[in-house]
Amino acid sequence: MAAKKMFGAADASILVTDLRRSFDDCVTRGYEWRVTQLKKLLIICDNHELEIVAALRDDL
């Protein structure tokens, strides 16, 4: 199993800067892309419902 790369504060800062630049330049994703992403998120939630519920239960 491959090791997961840690996401640190520096990575987050770079990501936020890039996202703000894109927003300021009016370069954002279109409606169709957003709908597709939401549909994919729904599929992920459906396919991993038990794991999500277990993680939420463990956090509480």
N, C-alpha and C. Protein backbone atom coordinates (compact mmCIF):
# COMPACT_ATOMS: atom_id res chain seq x y z
N MET A 1 0.84 -1.17 0.00
CA MET A 1 0.00 0.00 0.00
C MET A 1 0.89 1.24 0.00
N ALA A 2 0.59 2.19 -0.87
CA ALA A 2 1.40 3.40 -0.99
C ALA A 2 1.15 4.33 0.19
N ALA A 3 2.20 5.01 0.60
CA ALA A 3 2.08 5.97 1.69
C ALA A 3 1.32 7.20 1.20
N LYS A 4 0.49 7.75 2.07
CA LYS A 4 -0.26 8.94 1.73
C LYS A 4 0.61 10.17 1.99
N LYS A 5 0.55 11.13 1.07
CA LYS A 5 1.30 12.36 1.24
C LYS A 5 0.53 13.26 2.21
N MET A 6 1.26 13.82 3.15
CA MET A 6 0.63 14.71 4.11
C MET A 6 0.37 16.07 3.46
N PHE A 7 -0.73 16.68 3.82
CA PHE A 7 -1.13 17.98 3.31
C PHE A 7 -0.91 18.98 4.42
N GLY A 8 0.08 19.85 4.27
CA GLY A 8 0.45 20.77 5.34
C GLY A 8 -0.07 22.17 5.12
N ALA A 9 0.27 23.03 6.07
CA ALA A 9 -0.16 24.43 6.02
C ALA A 9 0.38 25.13 4.79
N ALA A 10 1.62 24.83 4.41
CA ALA A 10 2.20 25.46 3.22
C ALA A 10 1.42 25.07 1.97
N ASP A 11 1.02 23.78 1.89
CA ASP A 11 0.22 23.32 0.76
C ASP A 11 -1.12 24.04 0.72
N ALA A 12 -1.73 24.19 1.87
CA ALA A 12 -3.02 24.87 1.94
C ALA A 12 -2.90 26.32 1.51
N SER A 13 -1.82 26.97 1.92
CA SER A 13 -1.60 28.37 1.56
C SER A 13 -1.46 28.53 0.05
N ILE A 14 -0.70 27.64 -0.56
CA ILE A 14 -0.53 27.68 -2.02
C ILE A 14 -1.87 27.44 -2.72
N LEU A 15 -2.62 26.47 -2.24
CA LEU A 15 -3.92 26.16 -2.83
C LEU A 15 -4.86 27.36 -2.73
N VAL A 16 -4.93 27.98 -1.57
CA VAL A 16 -5.81 29.14 -1.38
C VAL A 16 -5.39 30.28 -2.30
N THR A 17 -4.09 30.52 -2.41
CA THR A 17 -3.60 31.58 -3.30
C THR A 17 -4.00 31.32 -4.74
N ASP A 18 -3.81 30.08 -5.20
CA ASP A 18 -4.19 29.72 -6.57
C ASP A 18 -5.69 29.87 -6.80
N LEU A 19 -6.48 29.43 -5.83
CA LEU A 19 -7.93 29.54 -5.97
C LEU A 19 -8.39 30.99 -6.00
N ARG A 20 -7.80 31.82 -5.15
CA ARG A 20 -8.16 33.24 -5.14
C ARG A 20 -7.79 33.91 -6.46
N ARG A 21 -6.64 33.56 -7.00
CA ARG A 21 -6.21 34.12 -8.28
C ARG A 21 -7.19 33.71 -9.38
N SER A 22 -7.58 32.45 -9.40
CA SER A 22 -8.55 31.99 -10.40
C SER A 22 -9.87 32.74 -10.27
N PHE A 23 -10.33 32.91 -9.04
CA PHE A 23 -11.58 33.63 -8.81
C PHE A 23 -11.47 35.07 -9.26
N ASP A 24 -10.37 35.73 -8.89
CA ASP A 24 -10.17 37.13 -9.27
C ASP A 24 -10.09 37.30 -10.78
N ASP A 25 -9.57 36.29 -11.48
CA ASP A 25 -9.46 36.34 -12.94
C ASP A 25 -10.73 35.86 -13.64
N CYS A 26 -11.78 35.59 -12.85
CA CYS A 26 -13.06 35.08 -13.37
C CYS A 26 -12.90 33.77 -14.14
N VAL A 27 -11.94 32.96 -13.69
CA VAL A 27 -11.72 31.66 -14.29
C VAL A 27 -12.25 30.62 -13.31
N THR A 28 -13.48 30.23 -13.50
CA THR A 28 -14.07 29.23 -12.62
C THR A 28 -14.71 28.13 -13.47
N ARG A 29 -15.09 27.07 -12.83
CA ARG A 29 -15.71 25.94 -13.53
C ARG A 29 -17.16 26.27 -13.86
N GLY A 30 -17.64 25.65 -14.93
CA GLY A 30 -18.99 25.90 -15.39
C GLY A 30 -20.03 25.09 -14.63
N TYR A 31 -21.27 25.40 -14.91
CA TYR A 31 -22.41 24.76 -14.27
C TYR A 31 -22.39 23.24 -14.48
N GLU A 32 -22.14 22.82 -15.71
CA GLU A 32 -22.15 21.38 -16.02
C GLU A 32 -21.10 20.63 -15.21
N TRP A 33 -19.92 21.22 -15.07
CA TRP A 33 -18.85 20.59 -14.30
C TRP A 33 -19.28 20.44 -12.84
N ARG A 34 -19.91 21.48 -12.30
CA ARG A 34 -20.35 21.45 -10.90
C ARG A 34 -21.41 20.37 -10.67
N VAL A 35 -22.35 20.27 -11.60
CA VAL A 35 -23.39 19.24 -11.49
C VAL A 35 -22.76 17.85 -11.55
N THR A 36 -21.82 17.67 -12.47
CA THR A 36 -21.14 16.37 -12.59
C THR A 36 -20.41 16.02 -11.29
N GLN A 37 -19.72 16.99 -10.69
CA GLN A 37 -19.01 16.75 -9.44
C GLN A 37 -19.97 16.38 -8.32
N LEU A 38 -21.12 17.05 -8.25
CA LEU A 38 -22.10 16.73 -7.21
C LEU A 38 -22.67 15.32 -7.40
N LYS A 39 -22.88 14.93 -8.66
CA LYS A 39 -23.37 13.57 -8.92
C LYS A 39 -22.33 12.54 -8.51
N LYS A 40 -21.06 12.83 -8.78
CA LYS A 40 -19.99 11.91 -8.37
C LYS A 40 -19.90 11.82 -6.85
N LEU A 41 -20.08 12.96 -6.18
CA LEU A 41 -20.06 12.96 -4.71
C LEU A 41 -21.20 12.12 -4.16
N LEU A 42 -22.36 12.20 -4.78
CA LEU A 42 -23.50 11.38 -4.35
C LEU A 42 -23.19 9.89 -4.51
N ILE A 43 -22.55 9.53 -5.61
CA ILE A 43 -22.17 8.13 -5.83
C ILE A 43 -21.19 7.66 -4.76
N ILE A 44 -20.22 8.51 -4.44
CA ILE A 44 -19.25 8.16 -3.40
C ILE A 44 -19.96 7.95 -2.06
N CYS A 45 -20.87 8.87 -1.74
CA CYS A 45 -21.61 8.75 -0.47
C CYS A 45 -22.44 7.47 -0.44
N ASP A 46 -23.09 7.16 -1.55
CA ASP A 46 -23.89 5.93 -1.62
C ASP A 46 -23.01 4.69 -1.47
N ASN A 47 -21.86 4.69 -2.15
CA ASN A 47 -20.99 3.51 -2.14
C ASN A 47 -20.25 3.33 -0.81
N HIS A 48 -20.13 4.39 -0.03
CA HIS A 48 -19.35 4.31 1.21
C HIS A 48 -20.17 4.75 2.43
N GLU A 49 -21.46 4.58 2.34
CA GLU A 49 -22.34 5.03 3.42
C GLU A 49 -21.97 4.40 4.76
N LEU A 50 -21.72 3.12 4.76
CA LEU A 50 -21.41 2.44 6.02
C LEU A 50 -20.12 2.98 6.65
N GLU A 51 -19.10 3.20 5.82
CA GLU A 51 -17.85 3.74 6.33
C GLU A 51 -18.03 5.16 6.85
N ILE A 52 -18.82 5.96 6.15
CA ILE A 52 -19.06 7.34 6.58
C ILE A 52 -19.79 7.37 7.91
N VAL A 53 -20.82 6.54 8.03
CA VAL A 53 -21.59 6.50 9.28
C VAL A 53 -20.70 6.02 10.43
N ALA A 54 -19.86 5.00 10.17
CA ALA A 54 -18.97 4.49 11.21
C ALA A 54 -17.99 5.57 11.65
N ALA A 55 -17.44 6.32 10.69
CA ALA A 55 -16.49 7.39 11.03
C ALA A 55 -17.18 8.48 11.84
N LEU A 56 -18.39 8.84 11.46
CA LEU A 56 -19.13 9.86 12.20
C LEU A 56 -19.43 9.37 13.62
N ARG A 57 -19.83 8.10 13.73
CA ARG A 57 -20.13 7.52 15.04
C ARG A 57 -18.87 7.53 15.93
N ASP A 58 -17.73 7.17 15.34
CA ASP A 58 -16.48 7.16 16.10
C ASP A 58 -16.09 8.56 16.57
N ASP A 59 -16.37 9.56 15.76
CA ASP A 59 -16.03 10.94 16.12
C ASP A 59 -16.91 11.47 17.24
N LEU A 60 -18.11 10.94 17.36
CA LEU A 60 -19.00 11.40 18.40
C LEU A 60 -18.73 10.64 19.67
